[in-house]
Protein backbone atom coordinates (compact mmCIF):
# COMPACT_ATOMS: atom_id res chain seq x y z
CA UNK A 1 0.00 0.00 0.00
CA UNK A 2 2.92 2.34 0.69
CA UNK A 3 4.18 1.66 -2.83
CA UNK A 4 0.84 2.84 -4.22
CA UNK A 5 0.95 6.01 -2.13
CA UNK A 6 4.44 6.87 -3.34
CA UNK A 7 3.49 6.24 -6.94
CA UNK A 8 0.36 8.40 -6.58
CA UNK A 9 2.40 11.23 -5.08
CA UNK A 10 4.91 10.96 -7.93
CA UNK A 11 2.24 11.11 -10.62
CA UNK A 12 0.42 14.12 -9.16
CA UNK A 13 3.62 16.04 -8.49
CA UNK A 14 4.63 15.46 -12.09
CA UNK A 15 1.30 16.93 -13.20
CA UNK A 16 2.10 20.17 -11.44
CA UNK A 17 5.04 20.65 -13.80
CA UNK A 18 4.64 22.32 -17.17
CA UNK A 19 2.23 20.79 -19.71
CA UNK A 20 4.87 19.34 -22.03
CA UNK A 21 6.24 17.22 -19.18
CA UNK A 22 2.70 16.06 -18.38
CA UNK A 23 2.13 15.04 -21.96
CA UNK A 24 5.37 13.09 -22.05
CA UNK A 25 4.21 11.13 -19.03
CA UNK A 26 0.84 10.44 -20.62
CA UNK A 27 2.33 9.13 -23.83
CA UNK A 28 5.03 7.16 -22.09
CA UNK A 29 2.95 5.30 -19.54
CA UNK A 30 -0.67 5.22 -20.73
CA UNK A 31 -2.16 1.82 -21.57
CA UNK A 32 1.19 0.02 -21.57
CA UNK A 33 1.38 -0.10 -25.38
CA UNK A 34 5.05 0.44 -26.06
CA UNK A 35 6.15 -3.17 -26.59
CA UNK A 36 6.81 -2.36 -30.25
CA UNK A 37 7.31 1.40 -30.01
CA UNK A 38 10.25 3.61 -29.27
CA UNK A 39 10.05 6.43 -26.72
CA UNK A 40 12.72 8.82 -27.93
CA UNK A 41 12.96 12.04 -25.94
CA UNK A 42 15.64 13.25 -23.63
CA UNK A 43 14.82 13.82 -20.00
CA UNK A 44 13.70 17.39 -19.30
CA UNK A 45 15.56 19.48 -16.72
CA UNK A 46 14.27 18.83 -13.25
CA UNK A 47 12.05 21.50 -11.77
CA UNK A 48 11.18 22.18 -8.16
CA UNK A 49 8.24 20.06 -7.09
CA UNK A 50 5.33 21.59 -5.20
CA UNK A 51 5.02 21.13 -1.46
CA UNK A 52 2.99 17.97 -0.73
CA UNK A 53 1.25 17.01 2.51
CA UNK A 54 0.20 13.39 3.01
CA UNK A 55 -2.76 12.88 5.35
CA UNK A 56 -5.78 10.59 5.68
CA UNK A 57 -9.32 11.75 6.26
CA UNK A 58 -12.03 9.88 8.14
CA UNK A 59 -12.97 7.93 5.00
CA UNK A 60 -9.44 6.54 4.81
CA UNK A 61 -8.59 8.52 1.65
CA UNK A 62 -5.20 9.93 0.80
CA UNK A 63 -5.37 13.70 0.53
CA UNK A 64 -2.50 15.34 -1.32
CA UNK A 65 -2.16 19.07 -0.61
CA UNK A 66 -5.50 19.48 1.21
CA UNK A 67 -5.50 23.24 0.55
CA UNK A 68 -6.08 22.62 -3.15
CA UNK A 69 -9.46 21.73 -4.64
CA UNK A 70 -10.51 19.01 -7.08
CA UNK A 71 -10.82 21.45 -9.94
CA UNK A 72 -7.05 21.88 -9.77
CA UNK A 73 -6.57 18.27 -10.77
CA UNK A 74 -6.25 16.70 -7.31
CA UNK A 75 -7.21 13.01 -7.30
CA UNK A 76 -8.53 11.23 -4.21
CA UNK A 77 -7.55 7.54 -3.96
CA UNK A 78 -9.64 5.18 -1.84
CA UNK A 79 -7.29 2.85 0.07
CA UNK A 80 -10.05 0.37 0.88
CA UNK A 81 -10.78 -0.74 -2.70
CA UNK A 82 -8.52 -3.32 -4.27
CA UNK A 83 -9.57 -2.41 -7.82
CA UNK A 84 -8.69 1.23 -7.21
CA UNK A 85 -5.32 0.18 -5.80
CA UNK A 86 -4.49 -1.58 -9.05
CA UNK A 87 -5.75 1.15 -11.38
CA UNK A 88 -5.04 4.39 -9.51
CA UNK A 89 -2.10 5.45 -11.65
CA UNK A 90 -3.70 4.59 -14.99
CA UNK A 91 -6.90 6.41 -13.94
CA UNK A 92 -4.90 9.50 -13.07
CA UNK A 93 -3.05 9.41 -16.37
CA UNK A 94 -6.35 9.01 -18.23
CA UNK A 95 -7.66 12.07 -16.38
CA UNK A 96 -4.63 14.08 -17.49
CA UNK A 97 -5.00 12.76 -21.01
CA UNK A 98 -8.62 13.88 -21.20
CA UNK A 99 -7.70 17.30 -19.86
CA UNK A 100 -5.02 17.60 -22.53
CA UNK A 101 -7.59 16.83 -25.24
CA UNK A 102 -10.07 19.37 -23.89
CA UNK A 103 -7.68 22.27 -23.41
CA UNK A 104 -4.83 21.84 -25.86
CA UNK A 105 -5.59 19.68 -28.88
CA UNK A 106 -7.35 21.31 -31.82
CA UNK A 107 -8.60 18.82 -34.41
CA UNK A 108 -7.77 19.98 -37.94
CA UNK A 109 -8.70 16.87 -39.96
CA UNK A 110 -11.58 14.39 -39.70
CA UNK A 111 -12.58 11.00 -41.08
CA UNK A 112 -16.14 9.68 -40.87
CA UNK A 113 -16.07 5.91 -41.39
CA UNK A 114 -18.70 3.26 -41.94
CA UNK A 115 -18.15 -0.41 -42.75
CA UNK A 116 -20.03 -2.67 -45.18
CA UNK A 117 -20.14 -6.44 -44.87
CA UNK A 118 -19.81 -7.98 -48.35
CA UNK A 119 -21.27 -11.42 -49.10
CA UNK A 120 -19.75 -12.93 -52.25
CA UNK A 121 -22.23 -15.82 -52.26
CA UNK A 122 -25.44 -13.78 -52.10
CA UNK A 123 -23.88 -10.78 -53.95
CA UNK A 124 -25.12 -8.44 -51.22
CA UNK A 125 -23.92 -5.74 -48.83
CA UNK A 126 -25.12 -4.70 -45.40
CA UNK A 127 -23.97 -2.27 -42.74
CA UNK A 128 -21.43 -3.73 -40.31
CA UNK A 129 -22.01 -2.34 -36.82
CA UNK A 130 -19.78 -4.40 -34.56
CA UNK A 131 -16.14 -3.80 -35.46
CA UNK A 132 -13.15 -1.81 -34.29
CA UNK A 133 -10.00 -0.26 -35.75
CA UNK A 134 -6.49 -0.90 -34.44
CA UNK A 135 -3.57 1.27 -35.54
CA UNK A 136 -0.45 -0.52 -36.77
CA UNK A 137 1.94 2.08 -35.35
CA UNK A 138 0.88 2.63 -31.70
CA UNK A 139 -1.76 -0.13 -31.30
CA UNK A 140 -4.52 2.35 -30.39
CA UNK A 141 -8.08 1.06 -30.83
CA UNK A 142 -11.26 2.86 -31.93
CA UNK A 143 -14.85 1.64 -31.63
CA UNK A 144 -17.85 2.87 -33.67
CA UNK A 145 -21.14 4.16 -32.29
CA UNK A 146 -24.37 2.16 -32.11
CA UNK A 147 -25.13 2.55 -35.83
CA UNK A 148 -21.65 1.48 -36.90
CA UNK A 149 -20.21 4.91 -37.70
CA UNK A 150 -16.78 5.93 -36.51
CA UNK A 151 -15.55 9.52 -36.23
CA UNK A 152 -11.79 10.00 -36.14
CA UNK A 153 -10.23 13.37 -35.42
CA UNK A 154 -6.60 14.28 -36.09
CA UNK A 155 -4.28 17.15 -35.30
CA UNK A 156 -1.81 17.06 -38.18
CA UNK A 157 1.53 18.83 -38.23
CA UNK A 158 1.99 18.44 -41.99
CA UNK A 159 -0.54 19.02 -44.74
CA UNK A 160 -0.97 15.32 -45.58
CA UNK A 161 -0.52 12.01 -43.77
CA UNK A 162 -1.51 8.38 -44.16
CA UNK A 163 -2.14 5.95 -41.29
CA UNK A 164 -2.45 2.16 -41.40
CA UNK A 165 -5.25 0.34 -39.57
CA UNK A 166 -6.41 -3.22 -39.01
CA UNK A 167 -10.22 -3.61 -39.04
CA UNK A 168 -11.43 -6.49 -36.84
CA UNK A 169 -14.89 -7.97 -36.36
CA UNK A 170 -16.60 -11.28 -35.52
CA UNK A 171 -18.43 -11.43 -38.84
CA UNK A 172 -15.70 -10.49 -41.29
CA UNK A 173 -12.11 -11.24 -42.25
CA UNK A 174 -9.50 -8.93 -40.71
CA UNK A 175 -8.92 -6.03 -43.09
CA UNK A 176 -5.74 -3.99 -43.60
CA UNK A 177 -6.36 -0.46 -44.82
CA UNK A 178 -4.44 2.79 -45.23
CA UNK A 179 -6.46 5.93 -44.55
CA UNK A 180 -5.20 9.22 -46.00
CA UNK A 181 -5.71 12.40 -43.98
CA UNK A 182 -5.50 16.00 -45.15
CA UNK A 183 -5.28 19.05 -42.92
CA UNK A 184 -8.42 21.17 -43.06
CA UNK A 185 -10.50 18.43 -44.70
CA UNK A 186 -13.32 16.18 -43.50
CA UNK A 187 -13.78 12.96 -45.49
CA UNK A 188 -16.36 10.18 -45.56
CA UNK A 189 -15.06 6.65 -46.14
CA UNK A 190 -16.77 3.28 -46.60
CA UNK A 191 -14.71 0.22 -45.70
CA UNK A 192 -15.60 -3.11 -47.42
CA UNK A 193 -15.26 -6.11 -45.08
CA UNK A 194 -15.61 -9.62 -46.54
CA UNK A 195 -18.14 -11.80 -44.72
CA UNK A 196 -16.13 -14.62 -43.14
CA UNK A 197 -18.54 -17.57 -43.52
CA UNK A 198 -19.63 -16.80 -47.07
CA UNK A 199 -16.03 -16.11 -48.11
CA UNK A 200 -14.93 -19.57 -46.97
CA UNK A 201 -17.82 -21.14 -48.85
CA UNK A 202 -16.85 -19.13 -51.93
CA UNK A 203 -13.26 -20.44 -51.82
CA UNK A 204 -14.41 -24.01 -51.19
CA UNK A 205 -16.29 -23.92 -54.50
CA UNK A 206 -12.91 -23.54 -56.20
CA UNK A 207 -10.99 -25.94 -53.91
CA UNK A 208 -8.92 -23.09 -52.50
CA UNK A 209 -7.26 -22.91 -49.11
CA UNK A 210 -8.33 -19.75 -47.29
CA UNK A 211 -5.28 -19.78 -44.97
CA UNK A 212 -3.27 -17.38 -47.13
CA UNK A 213 -3.51 -13.64 -47.74
CA UNK A 214 -5.73 -11.57 -50.03
CA UNK A 215 -5.81 -8.27 -51.86
CA UNK A 216 -9.20 -6.69 -52.51
CA UNK A 217 -9.08 -3.95 -55.14
CA UNK A 218 -11.88 -1.49 -55.72
CA UNK A 219 -11.36 -0.29 -59.30
CA UNK A 220 -12.67 3.28 -59.34
CA UNK A 221 -10.98 4.22 -62.64
CA UNK A 222 -12.28 3.50 -66.11
CA UNK A 223 -10.31 2.16 -69.09
CA UNK A 224 -8.24 -0.27 -67.02
CA UNK A 225 -6.91 -2.92 -69.37
CA UNK A 226 -4.58 -5.12 -67.35
CA UNK A 227 -3.52 -6.11 -63.83
CA UNK A 228 -0.22 -7.91 -63.32
CA UNK A 229 1.75 -8.97 -60.23
CA UNK A 230 5.43 -9.75 -59.74
CA UNK A 231 4.53 -12.93 -57.83
CA UNK A 232 2.29 -15.74 -58.98
CA UNK A 233 -1.15 -15.55 -57.43
CA UNK A 234 -3.15 -18.51 -56.12
CA UNK A 235 -6.42 -17.14 -57.47
CA UNK A 236 -7.88 -14.11 -59.21
CA UNK A 237 -11.54 -13.10 -59.45
CA UNK A 238 -13.25 -10.07 -60.98
CA UNK A 239 -16.67 -8.76 -59.86
CA UNK A 240 -18.98 -6.15 -61.32
CA UNK A 241 -20.67 -3.47 -59.22
CA UNK A 242 -23.41 -5.98 -58.29
CA UNK A 243 -20.72 -8.32 -56.89
CA UNK A 244 -21.31 -10.88 -59.62
CA UNK A 245 -18.31 -12.55 -61.22
CA UNK A 246 -17.07 -11.27 -64.55
CA UNK A 247 -14.29 -12.67 -66.69
CA UNK A 248 -12.75 -9.38 -67.82
CA UNK A 249 -11.10 -6.60 -65.83
CA UNK A 250 -12.57 -4.06 -68.26
CA UNK A 251 -16.04 -4.82 -66.87
CA UNK A 252 -14.93 -5.16 -63.26
CA UNK A 253 -15.61 -3.00 -60.23
CA UNK A 254 -13.69 -5.22 -57.80
CA UNK A 255 -10.76 -7.66 -58.01
CA UNK A 256 -9.91 -10.35 -55.44
CA UNK A 257 -6.35 -11.77 -55.58
CA UNK A 258 -5.05 -14.67 -53.45
CA UNK A 259 -1.36 -14.19 -52.63
CA UNK A 260 1.38 -15.57 -50.43
CA UNK A 261 2.55 -13.56 -47.44
CA UNK A 262 4.98 -10.69 -47.89
CA UNK A 263 5.43 -7.42 -49.73
CA UNK A 264 3.99 -7.71 -53.25
CA UNK A 265 4.39 -5.39 -56.23
CA UNK A 266 1.43 -4.86 -58.57
CA UNK A 267 1.05 -3.03 -61.89
CA UNK A 268 -2.11 -1.75 -63.49
CA UNK A 269 -2.31 -0.53 -67.09
CA UNK A 270 -4.67 2.30 -67.91
CA UNK A 271 -4.78 4.01 -71.30
CA UNK A 272 -1.33 2.54 -72.08
CA UNK A 273 0.08 4.09 -68.87
CA UNK A 274 1.46 1.92 -66.09
CA UNK A 275 0.74 2.57 -62.40
CA UNK A 276 2.67 0.66 -59.74
CA UNK A 277 2.07 0.01 -56.05
CA UNK A 278 3.33 -2.19 -53.22
CA UNK A 279 1.00 -4.23 -51.02
CA UNK A 280 1.90 -6.01 -47.79
CA UNK A 281 0.02 -9.32 -47.56
CA UNK A 282 -0.60 -11.00 -44.20
CA UNK A 283 -1.98 -14.48 -43.61
CA UNK A 284 -5.73 -14.80 -42.97
CA UNK A 285 -6.40 -11.14 -43.72
CA UNK A 286 -7.46 -8.91 -46.60
CA UNK A 287 -5.63 -5.80 -47.78
CA UNK A 288 -8.05 -3.27 -49.27
CA UNK A 289 -6.87 -0.86 -51.97
CA UNK A 290 -9.21 1.78 -53.44
CA UNK A 291 -7.54 2.18 -56.85
CA UNK A 292 -8.12 5.65 -58.26
CA UNK A 293 -5.48 7.60 -60.15
CA UNK A 294 -4.61 11.23 -60.72
CA UNK A 295 -2.31 12.81 -63.29
CA UNK A 296 0.03 15.63 -62.40
CA UNK A 297 3.47 17.00 -63.25
CA UNK A 298 5.86 16.36 -60.34
CA UNK A 299 8.64 18.96 -59.93
CA UNK A 300 11.64 18.07 -57.77
CA UNK A 301 14.71 19.82 -56.38
CA UNK A 302 17.45 17.72 -54.71
CA UNK A 303 20.07 19.12 -52.33
CA UNK A 304 22.24 18.15 -49.36
CA UNK A 305 21.84 19.22 -45.73
CA UNK A 306 24.51 21.89 -46.07
CA UNK A 307 22.36 23.62 -48.70
CA UNK A 308 24.45 22.62 -51.72
CA UNK A 309 22.56 21.16 -54.68
CA UNK A 310 23.11 17.67 -56.02
CA UNK A 311 24.88 17.78 -59.39
CA UNK A 312 22.10 16.02 -61.28
CA UNK A 313 21.13 15.27 -64.84
CA UNK A 314 18.01 13.67 -66.28
CA UNK A 315 19.73 10.27 -65.98
CA UNK A 316 20.01 10.81 -62.20
CA UNK A 317 16.22 10.27 -61.90
CA UNK A 318 13.96 7.37 -62.79
CA UNK A 319 10.23 6.93 -62.21
CA UNK A 320 9.57 4.15 -59.70
CA UNK A 321 9.35 0.72 -61.42
CA UNK A 322 9.13 2.30 -64.89
CA UNK A 323 11.64 3.76 -67.33
CA UNK A 324 10.12 7.23 -67.43
CA UNK A 325 12.66 10.03 -66.94
CA UNK A 326 12.12 13.68 -65.98
CA UNK A 327 12.70 16.84 -67.99
CA UNK A 328 14.93 19.66 -66.79
CA UNK A 329 12.67 22.67 -66.15
CA UNK A 330 15.13 25.11 -64.61
CA UNK A 331 18.28 25.37 -62.53
CA UNK A 332 18.30 22.16 -60.39
CA UNK A 333 14.57 21.61 -61.07
CA UNK A 334 13.40 18.41 -62.79
CA UNK A 335 9.86 17.47 -63.73
CA UNK A 336 8.05 14.16 -64.32
CA UNK A 337 5.49 15.44 -66.81
CA UNK A 338 1.85 14.24 -66.63
CA UNK A 339 2.63 11.38 -64.26
CA UNK A 340 -0.04 8.98 -63.08
CA UNK A 341 -0.14 8.10 -59.40
CA UNK A 342 -2.69 6.61 -57.02
CA UNK A 343 -4.97 9.22 -55.46
CA UNK A 344 -4.30 9.86 -51.75
CA UNK A 345 -0.94 8.08 -52.04
CA UNK A 346 2.61 9.39 -52.21
CA UNK A 347 4.43 9.67 -55.53
CA UNK A 348 7.64 7.61 -55.76
CA UNK A 349 10.73 7.84 -57.92
CA UNK A 350 14.40 6.85 -57.82
CA UNK A 351 17.27 9.28 -57.39
CA UNK A 352 20.83 8.16 -58.17
CA UNK A 353 23.68 9.70 -56.22
CA UNK A 354 26.63 8.07 -57.92
CA UNK A 355 26.09 4.34 -57.51
CA UNK A 356 23.63 4.80 -54.64
CA UNK A 357 20.00 4.38 -55.66
CA UNK A 358 17.54 6.08 -53.31
CA UNK A 359 13.75 5.75 -53.42
CA UNK A 360 12.00 9.08 -52.80
CA UNK A 361 8.47 8.96 -51.42
CA UNK A 362 6.63 12.29 -51.24
CA UNK A 363 3.22 13.91 -51.47
CA UNK A 364 2.65 15.51 -54.89
CA UNK A 365 3.07 19.27 -54.48
CA UNK A 366 3.93 22.15 -56.79
CA UNK A 367 7.66 21.73 -56.08
CA UNK A 368 9.05 18.95 -53.88
CA UNK A 369 12.40 19.47 -52.20
CA UNK A 370 14.46 16.39 -51.36
CA UNK A 371 17.23 16.68 -48.76
CA UNK A 372 19.88 14.00 -49.15
CA UNK A 373 22.36 12.47 -46.75
CA UNK A 374 25.90 12.72 -48.11
CA UNK A 375 27.74 9.51 -48.98
CA UNK A 376 30.22 10.11 -46.14
CA UNK A 377 27.40 10.61 -43.63
CA UNK A 378 25.58 7.55 -44.96
CA UNK A 379 28.68 5.42 -44.29
CA UNK A 380 28.93 6.83 -40.75
CA UNK A 381 25.26 6.03 -40.09
CA UNK A 382 25.66 2.34 -40.97
CA UNK A 383 28.88 2.13 -38.94
CA UNK A 384 27.23 3.73 -35.91
CA UNK A 385 24.33 1.27 -36.22
CA UNK A 386 26.87 -1.58 -36.32
CA UNK A 387 25.21 -3.15 -39.36
CA UNK A 388 26.40 -4.31 -42.76
CA UNK A 389 24.24 -3.93 -45.85
CA UNK A 390 22.82 -7.21 -47.17
CA UNK A 391 20.03 -8.46 -49.43
CA UNK A 392 17.41 -7.89 -46.68
CA UNK A 393 18.58 -4.46 -45.48
CA UNK A 394 16.27 -1.43 -45.40
CA UNK A 395 17.04 2.11 -44.29
CA UNK A 396 14.23 4.67 -43.90
CA UNK A 397 15.16 8.37 -43.58
CA UNK A 398 12.87 11.20 -42.47
CA UNK A 399 13.62 14.92 -42.09
CA UNK A 400 12.49 16.09 -38.66
CA UNK A 401 10.03 18.94 -38.25
CA UNK A 402 10.48 21.38 -35.38
CA UNK A 403 9.14 20.19 -32.03
CA UNK A 404 9.24 16.41 -32.60
CA UNK A 405 9.36 14.77 -29.15
CA UNK A 406 9.05 11.02 -29.68
CA UNK A 407 8.12 8.33 -32.17
CA UNK A 408 6.00 5.18 -32.01
CA UNK A 409 6.43 2.43 -34.56
CA UNK A 410 5.18 -0.93 -35.74
CA UNK A 411 7.04 -3.16 -38.19
CA UNK A 412 6.02 -6.30 -40.07
CA UNK A 413 8.39 -8.05 -42.44
CA UNK A 414 9.16 -11.30 -44.21
CA UNK A 415 12.53 -12.54 -43.01
CA UNK A 416 13.62 -14.45 -46.10
CA UNK A 417 13.89 -13.90 -49.83
CA UNK A 418 12.92 -17.55 -50.45
CA UNK A 419 9.51 -17.78 -52.11
CA UNK A 420 8.51 -20.82 -50.04
CA UNK A 421 9.37 -19.13 -46.73
CA UNK A 422 6.20 -17.39 -45.55
CA UNK A 423 7.27 -16.28 -42.07
CA UNK A 424 5.92 -12.86 -41.10
CA UNK A 425 7.18 -11.49 -37.78
CA UNK A 426 7.07 -8.37 -35.65
CA UNK A 427 10.60 -6.97 -35.72
CA UNK A 428 12.69 -4.45 -33.83
CA UNK A 429 14.36 -1.63 -35.75
CA UNK A 430 17.64 0.20 -35.06
CA UNK A 431 17.20 3.95 -34.55
CA UNK A 432 19.59 6.88 -34.98
CA UNK A 433 19.10 10.65 -35.16
CA UNK A 434 21.36 13.43 -36.42
CA UNK A 435 21.73 16.96 -35.04
CA UNK A 436 24.38 19.68 -35.19
CA UNK A 437 26.41 17.80 -32.59
CA UNK A 438 26.59 14.51 -34.51
CA UNK A 439 24.91 11.09 -34.64
CA UNK A 440 22.86 10.04 -31.60
CA UNK A 441 20.83 7.07 -30.44
CA UNK A 442 18.14 9.38 -29.06
CA UNK A 443 15.93 12.01 -30.61
CA UNK A 444 16.50 15.54 -29.32
CA UNK A 445 14.96 18.94 -29.96
CA UNK A 446 17.96 19.71 -32.17
CA UNK A 447 17.59 16.65 -34.41
CA UNK A 448 17.36 17.38 -38.13
CA UNK A 449 16.86 13.83 -39.45
CA UNK A 450 16.24 10.33 -38.10
CA UNK A 451 16.85 6.84 -39.50
CA UNK A 452 15.29 3.41 -38.99
CA UNK A 453 17.23 0.34 -40.12
CA UNK A 454 15.78 -3.16 -40.22
CA UNK A 455 16.33 -6.42 -42.06
CA UNK A 456 13.34 -7.93 -43.81
CA UNK A 457 11.03 -7.29 -46.76
CA UNK A 458 8.22 -5.40 -45.16
CA UNK A 459 6.38 -2.32 -44.03
CA UNK A 460 7.29 0.25 -41.36
CA UNK A 461 4.51 2.28 -39.69
CA UNK A 462 5.45 5.46 -37.80
CA UNK A 463 3.56 7.91 -35.62
CA UNK A 464 5.47 11.16 -35.02
CA UNK A 465 4.41 13.04 -31.87
CA UNK A 466 5.16 16.78 -31.50
CA UNK A 467 5.31 18.98 -28.41
CA UNK A 468 2.17 20.88 -29.50
CA UNK A 469 0.21 17.57 -29.41
CA UNK A 470 0.06 17.33 -33.21
CA UNK A 471 1.11 14.21 -35.12
CA UNK A 472 2.29 12.93 -38.49
CA UNK A 473 2.05 9.38 -39.86
CA UNK A 474 4.30 7.49 -42.26
CA UNK A 475 4.06 4.11 -44.00
CA UNK A 476 7.27 2.93 -45.67
CA UNK A 477 7.32 -0.16 -47.91
CA UNK A 478 10.86 -1.53 -48.21
CA UNK A 479 12.34 -4.03 -50.66
CA UNK A 480 16.06 -4.02 -49.82
CA UNK A 481 16.59 -0.30 -50.42
CA UNK A 482 17.27 3.10 -48.96
CA UNK A 483 14.14 5.28 -48.71
CA UNK A 484 13.61 8.97 -48.04
CA UNK A 485 10.08 9.60 -46.73
CA UNK A 486 9.17 13.26 -47.13
CA UNK A 487 6.48 14.68 -44.86
């Protein structure tokens, strides 16, 4: 019981410090969900703690600083209740968390979500009410209201972000989905969930084993002529808008592909143009992709951290997974003219710095600026991480925005290049940050860039938490390469 008292005193004294310290405590300790995450902030300078008086009243309650009132955030803990003993600290943190939401956080982006249960046997849809969303970065969960609608609010630091979720329910197959968020916008989204029982019956009609992974494409574009994958699929079905099978992709509204576990590359041809995307496939789950394209000219400027520009030519750039090259539009400015990319997704291309090939992933803007790590610095980073590059290595780089306090991450990857090895595991990643003082294993307020290194063919999910309570989200698909993810 004394241990509980000391812990309670510690928590409430910490609350009396400035708000940023309170928020660190909330994020660090709430809900115990950092088994996969990284808490990367340096300890703040110690401040003088307020004077505390420990007494008990006639109801056997601890009273901390009896001169204060409950409106000031004082929590009374009943020593007689075992349940309260076990949950006192988490309840206090939840109280602080709610106060933070009420007073500090301003939502600047919203998603309104509903889910539909799809029956491939009866060719029907109905509203799915009982489900929940789990984030793949911080393992937060969100439940819908009584009618099955879910309202998500975000406080974004950057203009655009994309967050990965796993949709779970008793009636449907688990569904992987990426939801794109835009500052200042409110979007309505319908999530298609495949009915579990009817889906198994559907596969049994074709003597298929359902214990693999699936990709469910919603084809929102017209004039699609071909869908191809770099790996051989176990099955492929096309459906029209009434969910009835059709033999041709030209008449299809949906496509269902059965695939082995791992990161898969797909290509869709539309009006003789080729659009590429990566999909991470997990066993016994469906990955949903709403395929809708946009066309835009992508202008890029590449430079190093010291401000000097990369000595580039057209041959220094290459569109991702195609042979399309940019056109020089001005001093150090190159443009991929009229490029197709998937709506609400980042645009990707390769940049060659000597023999180093780097994949650039960025939101399409009027002009995108890419900041590169020098070759000398790149060598120092790998040496500091104590790793050697191999056929499973991945390095993800992100430029840090001002005020980044800590990062949460989730990582899934296939651990072998062998096609018959289907192991998918949760992995740990090596972290480093760079500031004006050098390379560090911790993130600091002076950091200008951070790196995650891991070995495996997979997908890295990041949640970036800032000191003003805003966030950014990143999803990096890695196939043995170095990636720069621009916010």
